[in-house]
Amino acid sequence: MPHLLFKGVTPNEVSKISEQLIESLAIIIDCPVDHFTVEWQETVFFRHGKQGMGGYPFVTMNWFERPQPLQDKVAKLITDSVMSQGYEEVCVMFNTLEPTRYYDNGEHY
């Protein structure tokens, strides 16, 4: 925990940015590097009935609630990391998880 999910980018691009991104996020969030997970999800975008149109990078961060200024820093870091791969637009979304509803090996936080 935290979990990063990438869509609208290639697995190679996620691989390129993931190590430095996670190291930087770990410092900002004050969370060990080995607590992060990074996942790439294959995505097909559609626009006006045409496949492969209208897509852009979309990153979801699932985590426990943090203060707004910290979330803003994390969003900026993720955005900058993805844009370093040549993208002009990136969407970052945060899903706040409740510790009592998050289980690790059968035990909630």
PDB file of N, CA and C in Angstrom:
ATOM      1  N   MET A   1       0.856  -1.145   0.000  1.00  0.00           N
ATOM      2  CA  MET A   1       0.000   0.000   0.000  1.00  0.00           C
ATOM      3  C   MET A   1       0.913   1.221   0.000  1.00  0.00           C
ATOM      4  N   PRO A   2       0.835   2.203  -0.743  1.00  0.00           N
ATOM      5  CA  PRO A   2      -0.135   2.619  -1.754  1.00  0.00           C
ATOM      6  C   PRO A   2      -0.009   1.837  -3.071  1.00  0.00           C
ATOM      7  N   HIS A   3      -1.099   1.849  -3.823  1.00  0.00           N
ATOM      8  CA  HIS A   3      -1.160   1.147  -5.097  1.00  0.00           C
ATOM      9  C   HIS A   3      -1.314   2.161  -6.231  1.00  0.00           C
ATOM     10  N   LEU A   4      -0.437   2.074  -7.224  1.00  0.00           N
ATOM     11  CA  LEU A   4      -0.505   2.918  -8.421  1.00  0.00           C
ATOM     12  C   LEU A   4      -0.950   2.065  -9.592  1.00  0.00           C
ATOM     13  N   LEU A   5      -1.953   2.524 -10.329  1.00  0.00           N
ATOM     14  CA  LEU A   5      -2.441   1.825 -11.512  1.00  0.00           C
ATOM     15  C   LEU A   5      -2.327   2.762 -12.708  1.00  0.00           C
ATOM     16  N   PHE A   6      -1.650   2.302 -13.756  1.00  0.00           N
ATOM     17  CA  PHE A   6      -1.411   3.100 -14.952  1.00  0.00           C
ATOM     18  C   PHE A   6      -2.223   2.561 -16.119  1.00  0.00           C
ATOM     19  N   LYS A   7      -2.918   3.470 -16.805  1.00  0.00           N
ATOM     20  CA  LYS A   7      -3.643   3.137 -18.033  1.00  0.00           C
ATOM     21  C   LYS A   7      -3.295   4.189 -19.080  1.00  0.00           C
ATOM     22  N   GLY A   8      -3.390   3.821 -20.343  1.00  0.00           N
ATOM     23  CA  GLY A   8      -3.163   4.773 -21.422  1.00  0.00           C
ATOM     24  C   GLY A   8      -1.691   5.046 -21.699  1.00  0.00           C
ATOM     25  N   VAL A   9      -0.817   4.229 -21.151  1.00  0.00           N
ATOM     26  CA  VAL A   9       0.622   4.301 -21.406  1.00  0.00           C
ATOM     27  C   VAL A   9       1.095   2.885 -21.707  1.00  0.00           C
ATOM     28  N   THR A  10       2.331   2.741 -22.118  1.00  0.00           N
ATOM     29  CA  THR A  10       2.852   1.407 -22.416  1.00  0.00           C
ATOM     30  C   THR A  10       3.518   0.811 -21.172  1.00  0.00           C
ATOM     31  N   PRO A  11       3.596  -0.506 -21.110  1.00  0.00           N
ATOM     32  CA  PRO A  11       4.307  -1.135 -19.993  1.00  0.00           C
ATOM     33  C   PRO A  11       5.764  -0.665 -19.926  1.00  0.00           C
ATOM     34  N   ASN A  12       6.385  -0.458 -21.078  1.00  0.00           N
ATOM     35  CA  ASN A  12       7.768   0.003 -21.113  1.00  0.00           C
ATOM     36  C   ASN A  12       7.906   1.387 -20.475  1.00  0.00           C
ATOM     37  N   GLU A  13       6.945   2.265 -20.725  1.00  0.00           N
ATOM     38  CA  GLU A  13       6.985   3.607 -20.137  1.00  0.00           C
ATOM     39  C   GLU A  13       6.817   3.545 -18.622  1.00  0.00           C
ATOM     40  N   VAL A  14       5.931   2.683 -18.152  1.00  0.00           N
ATOM     41  CA  VAL A  14       5.757   2.510 -16.707  1.00  0.00           C
ATOM     42  C   VAL A  14       7.049   1.981 -16.093  1.00  0.00           C
ATOM     43  N   SER A  15       7.663   1.033 -16.767  1.00  0.00           N
ATOM     44  CA  SER A  15       8.932   0.485 -16.282  1.00  0.00           C
ATOM     45  C   SER A  15      10.009   1.564 -16.188  1.00  0.00           C
ATOM     46  N   LYS A  16      10.071   2.424 -17.200  1.00  0.00           N
ATOM     47  CA  LYS A  16      11.085   3.486 -17.231  1.00  0.00           C
ATOM     48  C   LYS A  16      10.950   4.453 -16.067  1.00  0.00           C
ATOM     49  N   ILE A  17       9.720   4.802 -15.712  1.00  0.00           N
ATOM     50  CA  ILE A  17       9.521   5.830 -14.683  1.00  0.00           C
ATOM     51  C   ILE A  17       9.314   5.257 -13.286  1.00  0.00           C
ATOM     52  N   SER A  18       9.001   3.980 -13.171  1.00  0.00           N
ATOM     53  CA  SER A  18       8.536   3.440 -11.889  1.00  0.00           C
ATOM     54  C   SER A  18       9.572   3.499 -10.772  1.00  0.00           C
ATOM     55  N   GLU A  19      10.807   3.152 -11.048  1.00  0.00           N
ATOM     56  CA  GLU A  19      11.790   3.092  -9.963  1.00  0.00           C
ATOM     57  C   GLU A  19      12.012   4.462  -9.324  1.00  0.00           C
ATOM     58  N   GLN A  20      12.311   5.466 -10.144  1.00  0.00           N
ATOM     59  CA  GLN A  20      12.549   6.800  -9.601  1.00  0.00           C
ATOM     60  C   GLN A  20      11.273   7.387  -9.001  1.00  0.00           C
ATOM     61  N   LEU A  21      10.139   7.137  -9.645  1.00  0.00           N
ATOM     62  CA  LEU A  21       8.867   7.647  -9.133  1.00  0.00           C
ATOM     63  C   LEU A  21       8.594   7.103  -7.738  1.00  0.00           C
ATOM     64  N   ILE A  22       8.732   5.809  -7.563  1.00  0.00           N
ATOM     65  CA  ILE A  22       8.445   5.198  -6.263  1.00  0.00           C
ATOM     66  C   ILE A  22       9.435   5.672  -5.207  1.00  0.00           C
ATOM     67  N   GLU A  23      10.699   5.799  -5.572  1.00  0.00           N
ATOM     68  CA  GLU A  23      11.683   6.302  -4.606  1.00  0.00           C
ATOM     69  C   GLU A  23      11.323   7.717  -4.154  1.00  0.00           C
ATOM     70  N   SER A  24      10.898   8.558  -5.088  1.00  0.00           N
ATOM     71  CA  SER A  24      10.514   9.933  -4.744  1.00  0.00           C
ATOM     72  C   SER A  24       9.216   9.965  -3.942  1.00  0.00           C
ATOM     73  N   LEU A  25       8.247   9.151  -4.336  1.00  0.00           N
ATOM     74  CA  LEU A  25       6.989   9.095  -3.594  1.00  0.00           C
ATOM     75  C   LEU A  25       7.210   8.606  -2.172  1.00  0.00           C
ATOM     76  N   ALA A  26       8.077   7.635  -2.002  1.00  0.00           N
ATOM     77  CA  ALA A  26       8.358   7.098  -0.667  1.00  0.00           C
ATOM     78  C   ALA A  26       8.863   8.183   0.271  1.00  0.00           C
ATOM     79  N   ILE A  27       9.684   9.077  -0.254  1.00  0.00           N
ATOM     80  CA  ILE A  27      10.205  10.183   0.556  1.00  0.00           C
ATOM     81  C   ILE A  27       9.086  11.168   0.891  1.00  0.00           C
ATOM     82  N   ILE A  28       8.315  11.555  -0.110  1.00  0.00           N
ATOM     83  CA  ILE A  28       7.245  12.537   0.093  1.00  0.00           C
ATOM     84  C   ILE A  28       6.187  12.017   1.077  1.00  0.00           C
ATOM     85  N   ILE A  29       5.803  10.751   0.901  1.00  0.00           N
ATOM     86  CA  ILE A  29       4.733  10.166   1.700  1.00  0.00           C
ATOM     87  C   ILE A  29       5.249   9.621   3.033  1.00  0.00           C
ATOM     88  N   ASP A  30       6.548   9.434   3.133  1.00  0.00           N
ATOM     89  CA  ASP A  30       7.165   8.812   4.313  1.00  0.00           C
ATOM     90  C   ASP A  30       6.649   7.384   4.483  1.00  0.00           C
ATOM     91  N   CYS A  31       6.856   6.614   3.412  1.00  0.00           N
ATOM     92  CA  CYS A  31       6.383   5.233   3.344  1.00  0.00           C
ATOM     93  C   CYS A  31       7.494   4.390   2.716  1.00  0.00           C
ATOM     94  N   PRO A  32       7.786   3.208   3.259  1.00  0.00           N
ATOM     95  CA  PRO A  32       8.842   2.381   2.671  1.00  0.00           C
ATOM     96  C   PRO A  32       8.571   2.025   1.206  1.00  0.00           C
ATOM     97  N   VAL A  33       9.619   1.996   0.416  1.00  0.00           N
ATOM     98  CA  VAL A  33       9.522   1.678  -1.015  1.00  0.00           C
ATOM     99  C   VAL A  33       8.829   0.339  -1.239  1.00  0.00           C
ATOM    100  N   ASP A  34       9.115  -0.632  -0.399  1.00  0.00           N
ATOM    101  CA  ASP A  34       8.548  -1.966  -0.613  1.00  0.00           C
ATOM    102  C   ASP A  34       7.065  -2.063  -0.248  1.00  0.00           C
ATOM    103  N   HIS A  35       6.467  -0.987   0.219  1.00  0.00           N
ATOM    104  CA  HIS A  35       5.029  -0.983   0.488  1.00  0.00           C
ATOM    105  C   HIS A  35       4.214  -0.578  -0.737  1.00  0.00           C
ATOM    106  N   PHE A  36       4.868  -0.056  -1.769  1.00  0.00           N
ATOM    107  CA  PHE A  36       4.188   0.381  -2.983  1.00  0.00           C
ATOM    108  C   PHE A  36       3.976  -0.793  -3.939  1.00  0.00           C
ATOM    109  N   THR A  37       2.884  -0.723  -4.686  1.00  0.00           N
ATOM    110  CA  THR A  37       2.713  -1.611  -5.826  1.00  0.00           C
ATOM    111  C   THR A  37       2.459  -0.736  -7.054  1.00  0.00           C
ATOM    112  N   VAL A  38       2.952  -1.198  -8.185  1.00  0.00           N
ATOM    113  CA  VAL A  38       2.764  -0.502  -9.458  1.00  0.00           C
ATOM    114  C   VAL A  38       2.161  -1.503 -10.427  1.00  0.00           C
ATOM    115  N   GLU A  39       1.078  -1.109 -11.047  1.00  0.00           N
ATOM    116  CA  GLU A  39       0.376  -2.005 -11.964  1.00  0.00           C
ATOM    117  C   GLU A  39       0.104  -1.269 -13.270  1.00  0.00           C
ATOM    118  N   TRP A  40       0.278  -1.976 -14.362  1.00  0.00           N
ATOM    119  CA  TRP A  40      -0.078  -1.461 -15.681  1.00  0.00           C
ATOM    120  C   TRP A  40      -1.330  -2.192 -16.117  1.00  0.00           C
ATOM    121  N   GLN A  41      -2.303  -1.458 -16.630  1.00  0.00           N
ATOM    122  CA  GLN A  41      -3.534  -2.051 -17.115  1.00  0.00           C
ATOM    123  C   GLN A  41      -3.703  -1.721 -18.592  1.00  0.00           C
ATOM    124  N   GLU A  42      -3.917  -2.759 -19.378  1.00  0.00           N
ATOM    125  CA  GLU A  42      -4.164  -2.542 -20.801  1.00  0.00           C
ATOM    126  C   GLU A  42      -5.508  -1.838 -20.965  1.00  0.00           C
ATOM    127  N   THR A  43      -5.517  -0.853 -21.825  1.00  0.00           N
ATOM    128  CA  THR A  43      -6.716  -0.041 -22.026  1.00  0.00           C
ATOM    129  C   THR A  43      -6.939   0.201 -23.511  1.00  0.00           C
ATOM    130  N   VAL A  44      -8.186   0.154 -23.918  1.00  0.00           N
ATOM    131  CA  VAL A  44      -8.559   0.513 -25.281  1.00  0.00           C
ATOM    132  C   VAL A  44      -9.550   1.669 -25.170  1.00  0.00           C
ATOM    133  N   PHE A  45      -9.213   2.793 -25.789  1.00  0.00           N
ATOM    134  CA  PHE A  45     -10.077   3.963 -25.774  1.00  0.00           C
ATOM    135  C   PHE A  45     -10.965   3.978 -27.013  1.00  0.00           C
ATOM    136  N   PHE A  46     -12.137   4.570 -26.864  1.00  0.00           N
ATOM    137  CA  PHE A  46     -13.083   4.720 -27.970  1.00  0.00           C
ATOM    138  C   PHE A  46     -13.573   6.157 -28.005  1.00  0.00           C
ATOM    139  N   ARG A  47     -13.738   6.687 -29.194  1.00  0.00           N
ATOM    140  CA  ARG A  47     -14.350   7.996 -29.372  1.00  0.00           C
ATOM    141  C   ARG A  47     -15.158   7.959 -30.658  1.00  0.00           C
ATOM    142  N   HIS A  48     -16.402   8.368 -30.533  1.00  0.00           N
ATOM    143  CA  HIS A  48     -17.315   8.389 -31.683  1.00  0.00           C
ATOM    144  C   HIS A  48     -17.338   7.039 -32.401  1.00  0.00           C
ATOM    145  N   GLY A  49     -17.318   5.966 -31.615  1.00  0.00           N
ATOM    146  CA  GLY A  49     -17.405   4.635 -32.173  1.00  0.00           C
ATOM    147  C   GLY A  49     -16.127   4.090 -32.779  1.00  0.00           C
ATOM    148  N   LYS A  50     -15.028   4.832 -32.660  1.00  0.00           N
ATOM    149  CA  LYS A  50     -13.761   4.390 -33.233  1.00  0.00           C
ATOM    150  C   LYS A  50     -12.792   3.978 -32.133  1.00  0.00           C
ATOM    151  N   GLN A  51     -12.263   2.789 -32.302  1.00  0.00           N
ATOM    152  CA  GLN A  51     -11.317   2.239 -31.339  1.00  0.00           C
ATOM    153  C   GLN A  51      -9.947   2.905 -31.481  1.00  0.00           C
ATOM    154  N   GLY A  52      -9.268   3.100 -30.367  1.00  0.00           N
ATOM    155  CA  GLY A  52      -7.914   3.647 -30.386  1.00  0.00           C
ATOM    156  C   GLY A  52      -7.855   5.154 -30.493  1.00  0.00           C
ATOM    157  N   MET A  53      -8.980   5.810 -30.263  1.00  0.00           N
ATOM    158  CA  MET A  53      -9.026   7.267 -30.387  1.00  0.00           C
ATOM    159  C   MET A  53      -9.338   7.889 -29.027  1.00  0.00           C
ATOM    160  N   GLY A  54      -8.779   9.071 -28.772  1.00  0.00           N
ATOM    161  CA  GLY A  54      -9.169   9.858 -27.615  1.00  0.00           C
ATOM    162  C   GLY A  54      -8.538   9.484 -26.296  1.00  0.00           C
ATOM    163  N   GLY A  55      -7.531   8.659 -26.313  1.00  0.00           N
ATOM    164  CA  GLY A  55      -6.927   8.233 -25.063  1.00  0.00           C
ATOM    165  C   GLY A  55      -5.801   9.128 -24.590  1.00  0.00           C
ATOM    166  N   TYR A  56      -5.540   9.065 -23.326  1.00  0.00           N
ATOM    167  CA  TYR A  56      -4.415   9.768 -22.715  1.00  0.00           C
ATOM    168  C   TYR A  56      -4.078   9.038 -21.423  1.00  0.00           C
ATOM    169  N   PRO A  57      -2.918   9.280 -20.852  1.00  0.00           N
ATOM    170  CA  PRO A  57      -2.534   8.585 -19.627  1.00  0.00           C
ATOM    171  C   PRO A  57      -3.471   8.899 -18.462  1.00  0.00           C
ATOM    172  N   PHE A  58      -3.776   7.863 -17.722  1.00  0.00           N
ATOM    173  CA  PHE A  58      -4.650   7.959 -16.562  1.00  0.00           C
ATOM    174  C   PHE A  58      -4.011   7.154 -15.448  1.00  0.00           C
ATOM    175  N   VAL A  59      -3.700   7.803 -14.338  1.00  0.00           N
ATOM    176  CA  VAL A  59      -3.042   7.132 -13.215  1.00  0.00           C
ATOM    177  C   VAL A  59      -3.959   7.224 -12.002  1.00  0.00           C
ATOM    178  N   THR A  60      -4.210   6.088 -11.390  1.00  0.00           N
ATOM    179  CA  THR A  60      -5.016   6.033 -10.174  1.00  0.00           C
ATOM    180  C   THR A  60      -4.115   5.671  -9.006  1.00  0.00           C
ATOM    181  N   MET A  61      -4.236   6.419  -7.923  1.00  0.00           N
ATOM    182  CA  MET A  61      -3.499   6.134  -6.689  1.00  0.00           C
ATOM    183  C   MET A  61      -4.517   5.712  -5.634  1.00  0.00           C
ATOM    184  N   ASN A  62      -4.403   4.471  -5.190  1.00  0.00           N
ATOM    185  CA  ASN A  62      -5.222   3.975  -4.083  1.00  0.00           C
ATOM    186  C   ASN A  62      -4.365   4.069  -2.826  1.00  0.00           C
ATOM    187  N   TRP A  63      -4.846   4.805  -1.826  1.00  0.00           N
ATOM    188  CA  TRP A  63      -4.056   4.998  -0.613  1.00  0.00           C
ATOM    189  C   TRP A  63      -4.952   5.420   0.535  1.00  0.00           C
ATOM    190  N   PHE A  64      -4.332   5.463   1.749  1.00  0.00           N
ATOM    191  CA  PHE A  64      -5.040   5.992   2.902  1.00  0.00           C
ATOM    192  C   PHE A  64      -4.971   7.511   2.837  1.00  0.00           C
ATOM    193  N   GLU A  65      -5.966   8.175   3.391  1.00  0.00           N
ATOM    194  CA  GLU A  65      -6.088   9.624   3.289  1.00  0.00           C
ATOM    195  C   GLU A  65      -4.829  10.346   3.774  1.00  0.00           C
ATOM    196  N   ARG A  66      -4.435  11.346   3.015  1.00  0.00           N
ATOM    197  CA  ARG A  66      -3.315  12.232   3.341  1.00  0.00           C
ATOM    198  C   ARG A  66      -3.806  13.675   3.229  1.00  0.00           C
ATOM    199  N   PRO A  67      -3.095  14.616   3.835  1.00  0.00           N
ATOM    200  CA  PRO A  67      -3.488  16.033   3.723  1.00  0.00           C
ATOM    201  C   PRO A  67      -3.442  16.515   2.266  1.00  0.00           C
ATOM    202  N   GLN A  68      -4.298  17.484   1.951  1.00  0.00           N
ATOM    203  CA  GLN A  68      -4.396  18.014   0.588  1.00  0.00           C
ATOM    204  C   GLN A  68      -3.059  18.491   0.034  1.00  0.00           C
ATOM    205  N   PRO A  69      -2.240  19.247   0.788  1.00  0.00           N
ATOM    206  CA  PRO A  69      -0.956  19.691   0.231  1.00  0.00           C
ATOM    207  C   PRO A  69      -0.047  18.519  -0.158  1.00  0.00           C
ATOM    208  N   LEU A  70      -0.094  17.441   0.615  1.00  0.00           N
ATOM    209  CA  LEU A  70       0.703  16.257   0.286  1.00  0.00           C
ATOM    210  C   LEU A  70       0.152  15.584  -0.971  1.00  0.00           C
ATOM    211  N   GLN A  71      -1.147  15.481  -1.060  1.00  0.00           N
ATOM    212  CA  GLN A  71      -1.767  14.900  -2.252  1.00  0.00           C
ATOM    213  C   GLN A  71      -1.417  15.720  -3.487  1.00  0.00           C
ATOM    214  N   ASP A  72      -1.419  17.044  -3.364  1.00  0.00           N
ATOM    215  CA  ASP A  72      -1.057  17.909  -4.484  1.00  0.00           C
ATOM    216  C   ASP A  72       0.374  17.647  -4.949  1.00  0.00           C
ATOM    217  N   LYS A  73       1.306  17.470  -4.015  1.00  0.00           N
ATOM    218  CA  LYS A  73       2.706  17.171  -4.363  1.00  0.00           C
ATOM    219  C   LYS A  73       2.811  15.835  -5.082  1.00  0.00           C
ATOM    220  N   VAL A  74       2.070  14.848  -4.591  1.00  0.00           N
ATOM    221  CA  VAL A  74       2.092  13.518  -5.208  1.00  0.00           C
ATOM    222  C   VAL A  74       1.521  13.587  -6.623  1.00  0.00           C
ATOM    223  N   ALA A  75       0.413  14.297  -6.800  1.00  0.00           N
ATOM    224  CA  ALA A  75      -0.189  14.428  -8.129  1.00  0.00           C
ATOM    225  C   ALA A  75       0.782  15.091  -9.097  1.00  0.00           C
ATOM    226  N   LYS A  76       1.473  16.119  -8.649  1.00  0.00           N
ATOM    227  CA  LYS A  76       2.448  16.821  -9.497  1.00  0.00           C
ATOM    228  C   LYS A  76       3.597  15.899  -9.883  1.00  0.00           C
ATOM    229  N   LEU A  77       4.110  15.144  -8.931  1.00  0.00           N
ATOM    230  CA  LEU A  77       5.217  14.222  -9.205  1.00  0.00           C
ATOM    231  C   LEU A  77       4.799  13.148 -10.208  1.00  0.00           C
ATOM    232  N   ILE A  78       3.621  12.576 -10.020  1.00  0.00           N
ATOM    233  CA  ILE A  78       3.126  11.561 -10.961  1.00  0.00           C
ATOM    234  C   ILE A  78       2.949  12.165 -12.349  1.00  0.00           C
ATOM    235  N   THR A  79       2.326  13.334 -12.404  1.00  0.00           N
ATOM    236  CA  THR A  79       2.101  14.019 -13.684  1.00  0.00           C
ATOM    237  C   THR A  79       3.418  14.286 -14.392  1.00  0.00           C
ATOM    238  N   ASP A  80       4.378  14.857 -13.690  1.00  0.00           N
ATOM    239  CA  ASP A  80       5.676  15.157 -14.291  1.00  0.00           C
ATOM    240  C   ASP A  80       6.380  13.892 -14.776  1.00  0.00           C
ATOM    241  N   SER A  81       6.275  12.821 -14.007  1.00  0.00           N
ATOM    242  CA  SER A  81       6.917  11.555 -14.396  1.00  0.00           C
ATOM    243  C   SER A  81       6.331  11.004 -15.685  1.00  0.00           C
ATOM    244  N   VAL A  82       5.010  11.030 -15.800  1.00  0.00           N
ATOM    245  CA  VAL A  82       4.360  10.524 -17.015  1.00  0.00           C
ATOM    246  C   VAL A  82       4.645  11.456 -18.197  1.00  0.00           C
ATOM    247  N   MET A  83       4.605  12.751 -17.967  1.00  0.00           N
ATOM    248  CA  MET A  83       4.878  13.706 -19.048  1.00  0.00           C
ATOM    249  C   MET A  83       6.322  13.604 -19.543  1.00  0.00           C
ATOM    250  N   SER A  84       7.223  13.106 -18.708  1.00  0.00           N
ATOM    251  CA  SER A  84       8.610  12.924 -19.143  1.00  0.00           C
ATOM    252  C   SER A  84       8.722  11.911 -20.273  1.00  0.00           C
ATOM    253  N   GLN A  85       7.654  11.155 -20.512  1.00  0.00           N
ATOM    254  CA  GLN A  85       7.628  10.174 -21.593  1.00  0.00           C
ATOM    255  C   GLN A  85       7.039  10.759 -22.880  1.00  0.00           C
ATOM    256  N   GLY A  86       6.805  12.080 -22.875  1.00  0.00           N
ATOM    257  CA  GLY A  86       6.347  12.754 -24.088  1.00  0.00           C
ATOM    258  C   GLY A  86       4.862  13.066 -24.141  1.00  0.00           C
ATOM    259  N   TYR A  87       4.142  12.803 -23.080  1.00  0.00           N
ATOM    260  CA  TYR A  87       2.706  13.090 -23.068  1.00  0.00           C
ATOM    261  C   TYR A  87       2.459  14.546 -22.707  1.00  0.00           C
ATOM    262  N   GLU A  88       1.403  15.109 -23.267  1.00  0.00           N
ATOM    263  CA  GLU A  88       1.041  16.499 -22.983  1.00  0.00           C
ATOM    264  C   GLU A  88      -0.117  16.604 -22.003  1.00  0.00           C
ATOM    265  N   GLU A  89      -0.791  15.495 -21.758  1.00  0.00           N
ATOM    266  CA  GLU A  89      -1.945  15.491 -20.867  1.00  0.00           C
ATOM    267  C   GLU A  89      -1.901  14.235 -20.008  1.00  0.00           C
ATOM    268  N   VAL A  90      -2.175  14.389 -18.727  1.00  0.00           N
ATOM    269  CA  VAL A  90      -2.183  13.262 -17.795  1.00  0.00           C
ATOM    270  C   VAL A  90      -3.287  13.502 -16.776  1.00  0.00           C
ATOM    271  N   CYS A  91      -4.058  12.482 -16.480  1.00  0.00           N
ATOM    272  CA  CYS A  91      -5.074  12.556 -15.437  1.00  0.00           C
ATOM    273  C   CYS A  91      -4.603  11.706 -14.258  1.00  0.00           C
ATOM    274  N   VAL A  92      -4.649  12.273 -13.060  1.00  0.00           N
ATOM    275  CA  VAL A  92      -4.313  11.542 -11.834  1.00  0.00           C
ATOM    276  C   VAL A  92      -5.532  11.575 -10.937  1.00  0.00           C
ATOM    277  N   MET A  93      -5.931  10.416 -10.441  1.00  0.00           N
ATOM    278  CA  MET A  93      -7.088  10.306  -9.566  1.00  0.00           C
ATOM    279  C   MET A  93      -6.688   9.579  -8.295  1.00  0.00           C
ATOM    280  N   PHE A  94      -7.191  10.035  -7.177  1.00  0.00           N
ATOM    281  CA  PHE A  94      -6.904   9.414  -5.891  1.00  0.00           C
ATOM    282  C   PHE A  94      -8.154   8.723  -5.358  1.00  0.00           C
ATOM    283  N   ASN A  95      -8.001   7.472  -4.958  1.00  0.00           N
ATOM    284  CA  ASN A  95      -9.046   6.747  -4.249  1.00  0.00           C
ATOM    285  C   ASN A  95      -8.587   6.615  -2.811  1.00  0.00           C
ATOM    286  N   THR A  96      -9.364   7.159  -1.897  1.00  0.00           N
ATOM    287  CA  THR A  96      -9.021   7.082  -0.488  1.00  0.00           C
ATOM    288  C   THR A  96      -9.616   5.816   0.100  1.00  0.00           C
ATOM    289  N   LEU A  97      -8.765   5.008   0.671  1.00  0.00           N
ATOM    290  CA  LEU A  97      -9.187   3.754   1.284  1.00  0.00           C
ATOM    291  C   LEU A  97      -9.344   3.940   2.787  1.00  0.00           C
ATOM    292  N   GLU A  98     -10.305   3.264   3.363  1.00  0.00           N
ATOM    293  CA  GLU A  98     -10.491   3.296   4.808  1.00  0.00           C
ATOM    294  C   GLU A  98      -9.711   2.140   5.429  1.00  0.00           C
ATOM    295  N   PRO A  99      -8.865   2.429   6.411  1.00  0.00           N
ATOM    296  CA  PRO A  99      -8.044   1.373   7.008  1.00  0.00           C
ATOM    297  C   PRO A  99      -8.840   0.176   7.510  1.00  0.00           C
ATOM    298  N   THR A 100     -10.032   0.401   8.045  1.00  0.00           N
ATOM    299  CA  THR A 100     -10.813  -0.728   8.567  1.00  0.00           C
ATOM    300  C   THR A 100     -11.441  -1.572   7.464  1.00  0.00           C
ATOM    301  N   ARG A 101     -11.355  -1.096   6.217  1.00  0.00           N
ATOM    302  CA  ARG A 101     -11.887  -1.856   5.082  1.00  0.00           C
ATOM    303  C   ARG A 101     -10.787  -2.390   4.184  1.00  0.00           C
ATOM    304  N   TYR A 102      -9.549  -2.201   4.603  1.00  0.00           N
ATOM    305  CA  TYR A 102      -8.392  -2.679   3.832  1.00  0.00           C
ATOM    306  C   TYR A 102      -7.741  -3.805   4.623  1.00  0.00           C
ATOM    307  N   TYR A 103      -7.695  -4.987   4.028  1.00  0.00           N
ATOM    308  CA  TYR A 103      -7.177  -6.169   4.713  1.00  0.00           C
ATOM    309  C   TYR A 103      -5.893  -6.640   4.066  1.00  0.00           C
ATOM    310  N   ASP A 104      -4.944  -6.967   4.876  1.00  0.00           N
ATOM    311  CA  ASP A 104      -3.673  -7.535   4.447  1.00  0.00           C
ATOM    312  C   ASP A 104      -3.503  -8.848   5.199  1.00  0.00           C
ATOM    313  N   ASN A 105      -3.566  -9.944   4.455  1.00  0.00           N
ATOM    314  CA  ASN A 105      -3.489 -11.273   5.065  1.00  0.00           C
ATOM    315  C   ASN A 105      -4.564 -11.488   6.129  1.00  0.00           C
ATOM    316  N   GLY A 106      -5.760 -11.007   5.834  1.00  0.00           N
ATOM    317  CA  GLY A 106      -6.892 -11.241   6.723  1.00  0.00           C
ATOM    318  C   GLY A 106      -7.033 -10.266   7.876  1.00  0.00           C
ATOM    319  N   GLU A 107      -6.123  -9.318   7.998  1.00  0.00           N
ATOM    320  CA  GLU A 107      -6.162  -8.343   9.083  1.00  0.00           C
ATOM    321  C   GLU A 107      -6.320  -6.938   8.530  1.00  0.00           C
ATOM    322  N   HIS A 108      -7.263  -6.178   9.091  1.00  0.00           N
ATOM    323  CA  HIS A 108      -7.413  -4.802   8.638  1.00  0.00           C
ATOM    324  C   HIS A 108      -6.429  -3.913   9.366  1.00  0.00           C
ATOM    325  N   TYR A 109      -6.210  -2.734   8.785  1.00  0.00           N
ATOM    326  CA  TYR A 109      -5.294  -1.761   9.377  1.00  0.00           C
ATOM    327  C   TYR A 109      -5.981  -0.996  10.476  1.00  0.00           C
TER     328      TYR A 109
END
